[in-house]
Amino acid sequence: MLLEKYTLGGKDRYSAKRTNRPTNFMFIDAQAQSVSVIGDFNNWTPDAHPMRRLPDGGWHAQIPLCHGHHRYLFYVDGRQVLDPRAQGMARNEKNEKVSLVAVS
């Protein structure tokens, strides 16, 4: 875990809000050829966070994310897919549904 220092009243302080937490993403699709995580934390870039195929047909990625709510989707074989196990749903700038994960 990385702690980021900031100064308050001349004293160095550490902020949990600026701390990255390892966040696990899982996707199940044994037929998929490639899966990645796209979201507001990587500018929705498909090749930024590729997922690793597991022996059971699932896919996994661990991404360090800072405190807060993050919008994301899975990018499966060239198409965007909602996470059926997401903590919540939100809307993107185009008013489309996206998955939501809370990091604390």
PDB file of N, CA and C in Angstrom:
ATOM      1  N   MET A   1       0.851  -1.164   0.000  1.00  0.00           N
ATOM      2  CA  MET A   1       0.000   0.000   0.000  1.00  0.00           C
ATOM      3  C   MET A   1       0.898   1.229   0.000  1.00  0.00           C
ATOM      4  N   LEU A   2       0.571   2.192  -0.824  1.00  0.00           N
ATOM      5  CA  LEU A   2       1.321   3.433  -0.890  1.00  0.00           C
ATOM      6  C   LEU A   2       0.585   4.505  -0.115  1.00  0.00           C
ATOM      7  N   LEU A   3       1.305   5.180   0.767  1.00  0.00           N
ATOM      8  CA  LEU A   3       0.730   6.296   1.484  1.00  0.00           C
ATOM      9  C   LEU A   3       1.344   7.568   0.931  1.00  0.00           C
ATOM     10  N   GLU A   4       0.540   8.548   0.684  1.00  0.00           N
ATOM     11  CA  GLU A   4       1.016   9.789   0.131  1.00  0.00           C
ATOM     12  C   GLU A   4       1.037  10.857   1.214  1.00  0.00           C
ATOM     13  N   LYS A   5       2.165  11.536   1.326  1.00  0.00           N
ATOM     14  CA  LYS A   5       2.290  12.580   2.336  1.00  0.00           C
ATOM     15  C   LYS A   5       1.749  13.898   1.812  1.00  0.00           C
ATOM     16  N   TYR A   6       1.180  14.667   2.703  1.00  0.00           N
ATOM     17  CA  TYR A   6       0.824  16.039   2.400  1.00  0.00           C
ATOM     18  C   TYR A   6       1.091  16.858   3.653  1.00  0.00           C
ATOM     19  N   THR A   7       1.170  18.150   3.492  1.00  0.00           N
ATOM     20  CA  THR A   7       1.502  19.024   4.613  1.00  0.00           C
ATOM     21  C   THR A   7       0.268  19.795   5.048  1.00  0.00           C
ATOM     22  N   LEU A   8       0.021  19.802   6.363  1.00  0.00           N
ATOM     23  CA  LEU A   8      -1.091  20.533   6.941  1.00  0.00           C
ATOM     24  C   LEU A   8      -0.574  21.256   8.171  1.00  0.00           C
ATOM     25  N   GLY A   9      -0.644  22.568   8.128  1.00  0.00           N
ATOM     26  CA  GLY A   9      -0.169  23.349   9.269  1.00  0.00           C
ATOM     27  C   GLY A   9       1.309  23.140   9.547  1.00  0.00           C
ATOM     28  N   GLY A  10       2.101  22.905   8.477  1.00  0.00           N
ATOM     29  CA  GLY A  10       3.531  22.737   8.633  1.00  0.00           C
ATOM     30  C   GLY A  10       3.948  21.335   9.042  1.00  0.00           C
ATOM     31  N   LYS A  11       2.991  20.426   9.256  1.00  0.00           N
ATOM     32  CA  LYS A  11       3.311  19.049   9.650  1.00  0.00           C
ATOM     33  C   LYS A  11       2.972  18.098   8.521  1.00  0.00           C
ATOM     34  N   ASP A  12       3.819  17.090   8.332  1.00  0.00           N
ATOM     35  CA  ASP A  12       3.535  16.066   7.329  1.00  0.00           C
ATOM     36  C   ASP A  12       2.428  15.149   7.833  1.00  0.00           C
ATOM     37  N   ARG A  13       1.451  14.875   6.999  1.00  0.00           N
ATOM     38  CA  ARG A  13       0.330  13.988   7.312  1.00  0.00           C
ATOM     39  C   ARG A  13       0.192  12.956   6.204  1.00  0.00           C
ATOM     40  N   TYR A  14      -0.447  11.853   6.535  1.00  0.00           N
ATOM     41  CA  TYR A  14      -0.736  10.832   5.538  1.00  0.00           C
ATOM     42  C   TYR A  14      -2.236  10.782   5.312  1.00  0.00           C
ATOM     43  N   SER A  15      -2.625  10.601   4.075  1.00  0.00           N
ATOM     44  CA  SER A  15      -4.039  10.609   3.724  1.00  0.00           C
ATOM     45  C   SER A  15      -4.459   9.264   3.150  1.00  0.00           C
ATOM     46  N   ALA A  16      -5.494   8.666   3.747  1.00  0.00           N
ATOM     47  CA  ALA A  16      -6.047   7.419   3.201  1.00  0.00           C
ATOM     48  C   ALA A  16      -6.708   7.665   1.860  1.00  0.00           C
ATOM     49  N   LYS A  17      -7.217   8.856   1.632  1.00  0.00           N
ATOM     50  CA  LYS A  17      -7.882   9.170   0.375  1.00  0.00           C
ATOM     51  C   LYS A  17      -6.915   9.140  -0.793  1.00  0.00           C
ATOM     52  N   ARG A  18      -5.646   9.318  -0.515  1.00  0.00           N
ATOM     53  CA  ARG A  18      -4.642   9.306  -1.576  1.00  0.00           C
ATOM     54  C   ARG A  18      -3.916   7.964  -1.649  1.00  0.00           C
ATOM     55  N   THR A  19      -4.402   6.984  -0.926  1.00  0.00           N
ATOM     56  CA  THR A  19      -3.782   5.672  -0.868  1.00  0.00           C
ATOM     57  C   THR A  19      -4.403   4.755  -1.911  1.00  0.00           C
ATOM     58  N   ASN A  20      -3.558   4.067  -2.659  1.00  0.00           N
ATOM     59  CA  ASN A  20      -4.057   3.079  -3.617  1.00  0.00           C
ATOM     60  C   ASN A  20      -4.288   1.756  -2.909  1.00  0.00           C
ATOM     61  N   ARG A  21      -5.428   1.142  -3.202  1.00  0.00           N
ATOM     62  CA  ARG A  21      -5.784  -0.163  -2.641  1.00  0.00           C
ATOM     63  C   ARG A  21      -5.850  -1.180  -3.773  1.00  0.00           C
ATOM     64  N   PRO A  22      -5.293  -2.377  -3.577  1.00  0.00           N
ATOM     65  CA  PRO A  22      -5.440  -3.398  -4.610  1.00  0.00           C
ATOM     66  C   PRO A  22      -6.911  -3.811  -4.722  1.00  0.00           C
ATOM     67  N   THR A  23      -7.466  -3.676  -5.900  1.00  0.00           N
ATOM     68  CA  THR A  23      -8.880  -3.964  -6.132  1.00  0.00           C
ATOM     69  C   THR A  23      -8.983  -5.109  -7.136  1.00  0.00           C
ATOM     70  N   ASN A  24      -9.662  -6.180  -6.740  1.00  0.00           N
ATOM     71  CA  ASN A  24      -9.778  -7.373  -7.584  1.00  0.00           C
ATOM     72  C   ASN A  24     -11.012  -7.294  -8.478  1.00  0.00           C
ATOM     73  N   PHE A  25     -10.807  -7.658  -9.729  1.00  0.00           N
ATOM     74  CA  PHE A  25     -11.886  -7.743 -10.706  1.00  0.00           C
ATOM     75  C   PHE A  25     -11.920  -9.175 -11.224  1.00  0.00           C
ATOM     76  N   MET A  26     -13.114  -9.776 -11.236  1.00  0.00           N
ATOM     77  CA  MET A  26     -13.305 -11.142 -11.725  1.00  0.00           C
ATOM     78  C   MET A  26     -14.398 -11.140 -12.793  1.00  0.00           C
ATOM     79  N   PHE A  27     -14.181 -11.929 -13.825  1.00  0.00           N
ATOM     80  CA  PHE A  27     -15.163 -12.081 -14.887  1.00  0.00           C
ATOM     81  C   PHE A  27     -15.172 -13.546 -15.301  1.00  0.00           C
ATOM     82  N   ILE A  28     -16.356 -14.132 -15.451  1.00  0.00           N
ATOM     83  CA  ILE A  28     -16.481 -15.545 -15.819  1.00  0.00           C
ATOM     84  C   ILE A  28     -17.016 -15.652 -17.244  1.00  0.00           C
ATOM     85  N   ASP A  29     -16.196 -16.192 -18.127  1.00  0.00           N
ATOM     86  CA  ASP A  29     -16.603 -16.490 -19.501  1.00  0.00           C
ATOM     87  C   ASP A  29     -15.520 -17.376 -20.110  1.00  0.00           C
ATOM     88  N   ALA A  30     -15.740 -18.667 -20.059  1.00  0.00           N
ATOM     89  CA  ALA A  30     -14.751 -19.624 -20.552  1.00  0.00           C
ATOM     90  C   ALA A  30     -14.544 -19.523 -22.064  1.00  0.00           C
ATOM     91  N   GLN A  31     -15.513 -18.949 -22.783  1.00  0.00           N
ATOM     92  CA  GLN A  31     -15.412 -18.839 -24.233  1.00  0.00           C
ATOM     93  C   GLN A  31     -14.667 -17.591 -24.693  1.00  0.00           C
ATOM     94  N   ALA A  32     -14.463 -16.625 -23.796  1.00  0.00           N
ATOM     95  CA  ALA A  32     -13.815 -15.360 -24.168  1.00  0.00           C
ATOM     96  C   ALA A  32     -12.366 -15.594 -24.577  1.00  0.00           C
ATOM     97  N   GLN A  33     -11.922 -14.835 -25.554  1.00  0.00           N
ATOM     98  CA  GLN A  33     -10.540 -14.906 -26.025  1.00  0.00           C
ATOM     99  C   GLN A  33      -9.660 -13.843 -25.370  1.00  0.00           C
ATOM    100  N   SER A  34     -10.248 -12.697 -25.050  1.00  0.00           N
ATOM    101  CA  SER A  34      -9.504 -11.640 -24.358  1.00  0.00           C
ATOM    102  C   SER A  34     -10.485 -10.802 -23.534  1.00  0.00           C
ATOM    103  N   VAL A  35     -10.042 -10.442 -22.333  1.00  0.00           N
ATOM    104  CA  VAL A  35     -10.862  -9.636 -21.431  1.00  0.00           C
ATOM    105  C   VAL A  35      -9.953  -8.603 -20.773  1.00  0.00           C
ATOM    106  N   SER A  36     -10.432  -7.380 -20.652  1.00  0.00           N
ATOM    107  CA  SER A  36      -9.706  -6.341 -19.926  1.00  0.00           C
ATOM    108  C   SER A  36     -10.715  -5.504 -19.148  1.00  0.00           C
ATOM    109  N   VAL A  37     -10.191  -4.685 -18.249  1.00  0.00           N
ATOM    110  CA  VAL A  37     -11.020  -3.786 -17.456  1.00  0.00           C
ATOM    111  C   VAL A  37     -10.804  -2.377 -17.996  1.00  0.00           C
ATOM    112  N   ILE A  38     -11.896  -1.716 -18.361  1.00  0.00           N
ATOM    113  CA  ILE A  38     -11.824  -0.323 -18.802  1.00  0.00           C
ATOM    114  C   ILE A  38     -12.625   0.513 -17.816  1.00  0.00           C
ATOM    115  N   GLY A  39     -12.184   1.734 -17.574  1.00  0.00           N
ATOM    116  CA  GLY A  39     -12.911   2.561 -16.626  1.00  0.00           C
ATOM    117  C   GLY A  39     -12.383   3.969 -16.533  1.00  0.00           C
ATOM    118  N   ASP A  40     -12.968   4.720 -15.618  1.00  0.00           N
ATOM    119  CA  ASP A  40     -12.559   6.105 -15.438  1.00  0.00           C
ATOM    120  C   ASP A  40     -11.139   6.216 -14.883  1.00  0.00           C
ATOM    121  N   PHE A  41     -10.587   5.139 -14.359  1.00  0.00           N
ATOM    122  CA  PHE A  41      -9.245   5.119 -13.802  1.00  0.00           C
ATOM    123  C   PHE A  41      -8.172   4.859 -14.859  1.00  0.00           C
ATOM    124  N   ASN A  42      -8.565   4.462 -16.082  1.00  0.00           N
ATOM    125  CA  ASN A  42      -7.596   4.255 -17.160  1.00  0.00           C
ATOM    126  C   ASN A  42      -8.060   4.895 -18.472  1.00  0.00           C
ATOM    127  N   ASN A  43      -8.918   5.885 -18.352  1.00  0.00           N
ATOM    128  CA  ASN A  43      -9.430   6.628 -19.512  1.00  0.00           C
ATOM    129  C   ASN A  43     -10.120   5.705 -20.525  1.00  0.00           C
ATOM    130  N   TRP A  44     -10.747   4.625 -20.003  1.00  0.00           N
ATOM    131  CA  TRP A  44     -11.524   3.677 -20.806  1.00  0.00           C
ATOM    132  C   TRP A  44     -10.675   3.063 -21.927  1.00  0.00           C
ATOM    133  N   THR A  45      -9.413   2.794 -21.631  1.00  0.00           N
ATOM    134  CA  THR A  45      -8.470   2.259 -22.606  1.00  0.00           C
ATOM    135  C   THR A  45      -8.424   0.728 -22.531  1.00  0.00           C
ATOM    136  N   PRO A  46      -8.819   0.016 -23.600  1.00  0.00           N
ATOM    137  CA  PRO A  46      -8.913  -1.444 -23.560  1.00  0.00           C
ATOM    138  C   PRO A  46      -7.609  -2.184 -23.246  1.00  0.00           C
ATOM    139  N   ASP A  47      -6.470  -1.660 -23.640  1.00  0.00           N
ATOM    140  CA  ASP A  47      -5.228  -2.399 -23.405  1.00  0.00           C
ATOM    141  C   ASP A  47      -4.500  -1.977 -22.123  1.00  0.00           C
ATOM    142  N   ALA A  48      -5.095  -1.110 -21.317  1.00  0.00           N
ATOM    143  CA  ALA A  48      -4.434  -0.629 -20.093  1.00  0.00           C
ATOM    144  C   ALA A  48      -4.402  -1.679 -18.986  1.00  0.00           C
ATOM    145  N   HIS A  49      -5.472  -2.457 -18.823  1.00  0.00           N
ATOM    146  CA  HIS A  49      -5.553  -3.454 -17.752  1.00  0.00           C
ATOM    147  C   HIS A  49      -6.113  -4.778 -18.277  1.00  0.00           C
ATOM    148  N   PRO A  50      -5.271  -5.532 -19.017  1.00  0.00           N
ATOM    149  CA  PRO A  50      -5.734  -6.849 -19.474  1.00  0.00           C
ATOM    150  C   PRO A  50      -5.906  -7.790 -18.291  1.00  0.00           C
ATOM    151  N   MET A  51      -6.864  -8.678 -18.404  1.00  0.00           N
ATOM    152  CA  MET A  51      -7.114  -9.656 -17.349  1.00  0.00           C
ATOM    153  C   MET A  51      -6.398 -10.952 -17.700  1.00  0.00           C
ATOM    154  N   ARG A  52      -6.095 -11.725 -16.666  1.00  0.00           N
ATOM    155  CA  ARG A  52      -5.390 -13.000 -16.814  1.00  0.00           C
ATOM    156  C   ARG A  52      -6.418 -14.137 -16.762  1.00  0.00           C
ATOM    157  N   ARG A  53      -6.299 -15.048 -17.742  1.00  0.00           N
ATOM    158  CA  ARG A  53      -7.205 -16.201 -17.777  1.00  0.00           C
ATOM    159  C   ARG A  53      -6.821 -17.185 -16.671  1.00  0.00           C
ATOM    160  N   LEU A  54      -7.816 -17.666 -15.951  1.00  0.00           N
ATOM    161  CA  LEU A  54      -7.610 -18.654 -14.894  1.00  0.00           C
ATOM    162  C   LEU A  54      -7.943 -20.049 -15.424  1.00  0.00           C
ATOM    163  N   PRO A  55      -7.430 -21.102 -14.801  1.00  0.00           N
ATOM    164  CA  PRO A  55      -7.687 -22.468 -15.282  1.00  0.00           C
ATOM    165  C   PRO A  55      -9.167 -22.848 -15.331  1.00  0.00           C
ATOM    166  N   ASP A  56      -9.995 -22.248 -14.470  1.00  0.00           N
ATOM    167  CA  ASP A  56     -11.423 -22.594 -14.429  1.00  0.00           C
ATOM    168  C   ASP A  56     -12.266 -21.841 -15.453  1.00  0.00           C
ATOM    169  N   GLY A  57     -11.632 -21.034 -16.313  1.00  0.00           N
ATOM    170  CA  GLY A  57     -12.366 -20.287 -17.327  1.00  0.00           C
ATOM    171  C   GLY A  57     -12.690 -18.866 -16.916  1.00  0.00           C
ATOM    172  N   GLY A  58     -12.359 -18.513 -15.693  1.00  0.00           N
ATOM    173  CA  GLY A  58     -12.565 -17.149 -15.238  1.00  0.00           C
ATOM    174  C   GLY A  58     -11.402 -16.245 -15.639  1.00  0.00           C
ATOM    175  N   TRP A  59     -11.587 -14.965 -15.408  1.00  0.00           N
ATOM    176  CA  TRP A  59     -10.569 -13.968 -15.712  1.00  0.00           C
ATOM    177  C   TRP A  59     -10.366 -13.102 -14.475  1.00  0.00           C
ATOM    178  N   HIS A  60      -9.111 -12.679 -14.235  1.00  0.00           N
ATOM    179  CA  HIS A  60      -8.800 -11.905 -13.038  1.00  0.00           C
ATOM    180  C   HIS A  60      -7.820 -10.775 -13.357  1.00  0.00           C
ATOM    181  N   ALA A  61      -8.036  -9.654 -12.686  1.00  0.00           N
ATOM    182  CA  ALA A  61      -7.075  -8.543 -12.707  1.00  0.00           C
ATOM    183  C   ALA A  61      -7.127  -7.875 -11.343  1.00  0.00           C
ATOM    184  N   GLN A  62      -5.963  -7.466 -10.861  1.00  0.00           N
ATOM    185  CA  GLN A  62      -5.885  -6.691  -9.628  1.00  0.00           C
ATOM    186  C   GLN A  62      -5.321  -5.326 -10.002  1.00  0.00           C
ATOM    187  N   ILE A  63      -6.107  -4.291  -9.722  1.00  0.00           N
ATOM    188  CA  ILE A  63      -5.740  -2.934 -10.122  1.00  0.00           C
ATOM    189  C   ILE A  63      -5.694  -2.052  -8.878  1.00  0.00           C
ATOM    190  N   PRO A  64      -4.597  -1.330  -8.662  1.00  0.00           N
ATOM    191  CA  PRO A  64      -4.551  -0.406  -7.530  1.00  0.00           C
ATOM    192  C   PRO A  64      -5.410   0.830  -7.825  1.00  0.00           C
ATOM    193  N   LEU A  65      -6.406   1.068  -6.980  1.00  0.00           N
ATOM    194  CA  LEU A  65      -7.301   2.211  -7.155  1.00  0.00           C
ATOM    195  C   LEU A  65      -7.313   3.061  -5.890  1.00  0.00           C
ATOM    196  N   CYS A  66      -7.483   4.348  -6.065  1.00  0.00           N
ATOM    197  CA  CYS A  66      -7.547   5.251  -4.919  1.00  0.00           C
ATOM    198  C   CYS A  66      -8.957   5.251  -4.318  1.00  0.00           C
ATOM    199  N   HIS A  67      -9.062   5.779  -3.130  1.00  0.00           N
ATOM    200  CA  HIS A  67     -10.320   5.884  -2.382  1.00  0.00           C
ATOM    201  C   HIS A  67     -11.395   6.554  -3.246  1.00  0.00           C
ATOM    202  N   GLY A  68     -12.605   6.039  -3.190  1.00  0.00           N
ATOM    203  CA  GLY A  68     -13.717   6.654  -3.907  1.00  0.00           C
ATOM    204  C   GLY A  68     -14.492   5.646  -4.724  1.00  0.00           C
ATOM    205  N   HIS A  69     -15.399   6.154  -5.549  1.00  0.00           N
ATOM    206  CA  HIS A  69     -16.214   5.323  -6.439  1.00  0.00           C
ATOM    207  C   HIS A  69     -15.633   5.409  -7.844  1.00  0.00           C
ATOM    208  N   HIS A  70     -15.545   4.255  -8.487  1.00  0.00           N
ATOM    209  CA  HIS A  70     -14.985   4.197  -9.836  1.00  0.00           C
ATOM    210  C   HIS A  70     -15.964   3.492 -10.754  1.00  0.00           C
ATOM    211  N   ARG A  71     -16.148   4.059 -11.947  1.00  0.00           N
ATOM    212  CA  ARG A  71     -17.007   3.475 -12.973  1.00  0.00           C
ATOM    213  C   ARG A  71     -16.149   2.617 -13.892  1.00  0.00           C
ATOM    214  N   TYR A  72     -16.680   1.461 -14.311  1.00  0.00           N
ATOM    215  CA  TYR A  72     -15.905   0.567 -15.158  1.00  0.00           C
ATOM    216  C   TYR A  72     -16.817  -0.375 -15.946  1.00  0.00           C
ATOM    217  N   LEU A  73     -16.224  -1.057 -16.903  1.00  0.00           N
ATOM    218  CA  LEU A  73     -16.854  -2.116 -17.686  1.00  0.00           C
ATOM    219  C   LEU A  73     -15.787  -3.166 -17.986  1.00  0.00           C
ATOM    220  N   PHE A  74     -16.226  -4.351 -18.370  1.00  0.00           N
ATOM    221  CA  PHE A  74     -15.303  -5.331 -18.912  1.00  0.00           C
ATOM    222  C   PHE A  74     -15.320  -5.164 -20.428  1.00  0.00           C
ATOM    223  N   TYR A  75     -14.161  -5.317 -21.034  1.00  0.00           N
ATOM    224  CA  TYR A  75     -14.027  -5.254 -22.490  1.00  0.00           C
ATOM    225  C   TYR A  75     -13.726  -6.672 -22.960  1.00  0.00           C
ATOM    226  N   VAL A  76     -14.760  -7.349 -23.470  1.00  0.00           N
ATOM    227  CA  VAL A  76     -14.690  -8.779 -23.786  1.00  0.00           C
ATOM    228  C   VAL A  76     -14.755  -8.967 -25.295  1.00  0.00           C
ATOM    229  N   ASP A  77     -13.651  -9.438 -25.857  1.00  0.00           N
ATOM    230  CA  ASP A  77     -13.589  -9.706 -27.302  1.00  0.00           C
ATOM    231  C   ASP A  77     -14.124  -8.534 -28.126  1.00  0.00           C
ATOM    232  N   GLY A  78     -13.740  -7.328 -27.739  1.00  0.00           N
ATOM    233  CA  GLY A  78     -14.097  -6.139 -28.502  1.00  0.00           C
ATOM    234  C   GLY A  78     -15.434  -5.507 -28.159  1.00  0.00           C
ATOM    235  N   ARG A  79     -16.135  -6.035 -27.154  1.00  0.00           N
ATOM    236  CA  ARG A  79     -17.417  -5.420 -26.778  1.00  0.00           C
ATOM    237  C   ARG A  79     -17.430  -5.105 -25.285  1.00  0.00           C
ATOM    238  N   GLN A  80     -18.167  -4.074 -24.935  1.00  0.00           N
ATOM    239  CA  GLN A  80     -18.275  -3.635 -23.539  1.00  0.00           C
ATOM    240  C   GLN A  80     -19.369  -4.433 -22.829  1.00  0.00           C
ATOM    241  N   VAL A  81     -19.041  -4.911 -21.605  1.00  0.00           N
ATOM    242  CA  VAL A  81     -19.960  -5.761 -20.859  1.00  0.00           C
ATOM    243  C   VAL A  81     -20.034  -5.265 -19.410  1.00  0.00           C
ATOM    244  N   LEU A  82     -21.262  -5.139 -18.886  1.00  0.00           N
ATOM    245  CA  LEU A  82     -21.449  -4.798 -17.478  1.00  0.00           C
ATOM    246  C   LEU A  82     -20.976  -5.938 -16.593  1.00  0.00           C
ATOM    247  N   ASP A  83     -20.549  -5.613 -15.390  1.00  0.00           N
ATOM    248  CA  ASP A  83     -20.152  -6.620 -14.407  1.00  0.00           C
ATOM    249  C   ASP A  83     -21.408  -7.081 -13.667  1.00  0.00           C
ATOM    250  N   PRO A  84     -21.823  -8.351 -13.829  1.00  0.00           N
ATOM    251  CA  PRO A  84     -23.027  -8.818 -13.139  1.00  0.00           C
ATOM    252  C   PRO A  84     -22.850  -8.872 -11.616  1.00  0.00           C
ATOM    253  N   ARG A  85     -21.607  -8.809 -11.145  1.00  0.00           N
ATOM    254  CA  ARG A  85     -21.324  -8.847  -9.705  1.00  0.00           C
ATOM    255  C   ARG A  85     -20.931  -7.485  -9.153  1.00  0.00           C
ATOM    256  N   ALA A  86     -21.177  -6.437  -9.892  1.00  0.00           N
ATOM    257  CA  ALA A  86     -20.777  -5.084  -9.478  1.00  0.00           C
ATOM    258  C   ALA A  86     -21.462  -4.666  -8.178  1.00  0.00           C
ATOM    259  N   GLN A  87     -20.805  -3.781  -7.440  1.00  0.00           N
ATOM    260  CA  GLN A  87     -21.379  -3.242  -6.202  1.00  0.00           C
ATOM    261  C   GLN A  87     -22.534  -2.293  -6.491  1.00  0.00           C
ATOM    262  N   GLY A  88     -22.568  -1.773  -7.697  1.00  0.00           N
ATOM    263  CA  GLY A  88     -23.635  -0.859  -8.064  1.00  0.00           C
ATOM    264  C   GLY A  88     -23.563  -0.519  -9.539  1.00  0.00           C
ATOM    265  N   MET A  89     -24.498   0.311  -9.973  1.00  0.00           N
ATOM    266  CA  MET A  89     -24.545   0.779 -11.350  1.00  0.00           C
ATOM    267  C   MET A  89     -24.548   2.304 -11.344  1.00  0.00           C
ATOM    268  N   ALA A  90     -24.013   2.872 -12.407  1.00  0.00           N
ATOM    269  CA  ALA A  90     -23.985   4.321 -12.575  1.00  0.00           C
ATOM    270  C   ALA A  90     -24.176   4.594 -14.068  1.00  0.00           C
ATOM    271  N   ARG A  91     -24.026   5.838 -14.444  1.00  0.00           N
ATOM    272  CA  ARG A  91     -24.129   6.233 -15.857  1.00  0.00           C
ATOM    273  C   ARG A  91     -22.846   6.941 -16.260  1.00  0.00           C
ATOM    274  N   ASN A  92     -22.438   6.745 -17.510  1.00  0.00           N
ATOM    275  CA  ASN A  92     -21.269   7.463 -18.012  1.00  0.00           C
ATOM    276  C   ASN A  92     -21.706   8.777 -18.651  1.00  0.00           C
ATOM    277  N   GLU A  93     -20.772   9.454 -19.298  1.00  0.00           N
ATOM    278  CA  GLU A  93     -21.059  10.750 -19.917  1.00  0.00           C
ATOM    279  C   GLU A  93     -22.085  10.654 -21.045  1.00  0.00           C
ATOM    280  N   LYS A  94     -22.235   9.465 -21.629  1.00  0.00           N
ATOM    281  CA  LYS A  94     -23.205   9.234 -22.713  1.00  0.00           C
ATOM    282  C   LYS A  94     -24.536   8.716 -22.169  1.00  0.00           C
ATOM    283  N   ASN A  95     -24.697   8.717 -20.845  1.00  0.00           N
ATOM    284  CA  ASN A  95     -25.888   8.233 -20.150  1.00  0.00           C
ATOM    285  C   ASN A  95     -26.100   6.728 -20.333  1.00  0.00           C
ATOM    286  N   GLU A  96     -25.002   5.993 -20.580  1.00  0.00           N
ATOM    287  CA  GLU A  96     -25.065   4.547 -20.688  1.00  0.00           C
ATOM    288  C   GLU A  96     -24.756   3.935 -19.320  1.00  0.00           C
ATOM    289  N   LYS A  97     -25.357   2.762 -19.046  1.00  0.00           N
ATOM    290  CA  LYS A  97     -25.092   2.072 -17.781  1.00  0.00           C
ATOM    291  C   LYS A  97     -23.656   1.569 -17.739  1.00  0.00           C
ATOM    292  N   VAL A  98     -23.028   1.741 -16.563  1.00  0.00           N
ATOM    293  CA  VAL A  98     -21.693   1.207 -16.307  1.00  0.00           C
ATOM    294  C   VAL A  98     -21.699   0.617 -14.914  1.00  0.00           C
ATOM    295  N   SER A  99     -20.737  -0.237 -14.642  1.00  0.00           N
ATOM    296  CA  SER A  99     -20.600  -0.852 -13.310  1.00  0.00           C
ATOM    297  C   SER A  99     -19.884   0.114 -12.382  1.00  0.00           C
ATOM    298  N   LEU A 100     -20.094  -0.095 -11.085  1.00  0.00           N
ATOM    299  CA  LEU A 100     -19.531   0.805 -10.072  1.00  0.00           C
ATOM    300  C   LEU A 100     -18.857  -0.015  -8.982  1.00  0.00           C
ATOM    301  N   VAL A 101     -17.645   0.417  -8.594  1.00  0.00           N
ATOM    302  CA  VAL A 101     -16.939  -0.207  -7.488  1.00  0.00           C
ATOM    303  C   VAL A 101     -16.542   0.899  -6.500  1.00  0.00           C
ATOM    304  N   ALA A 102     -16.715   0.612  -5.214  1.00  0.00           N
ATOM    305  CA  ALA A 102     -16.335   1.550  -4.152  1.00  0.00           C
ATOM    306  C   ALA A 102     -15.041   1.062  -3.519  1.00  0.00           C
ATOM    307  N   VAL A 103     -14.089   1.951  -3.373  1.00  0.00           N
ATOM    308  CA  VAL A 103     -12.797   1.629  -2.763  1.00  0.00           C
ATOM    309  C   VAL A 103     -12.646   2.486  -1.521  1.00  0.00           C
ATOM    310  N   SER A 104     -12.349   1.823  -0.390  1.00  0.00           N
ATOM    311  CA  SER A 104     -12.149   2.583   0.849  1.00  0.00           C
ATOM    312  C   SER A 104     -10.918   2.119   1.582  1.00  0.00           C
TER     313      SER A 104
END
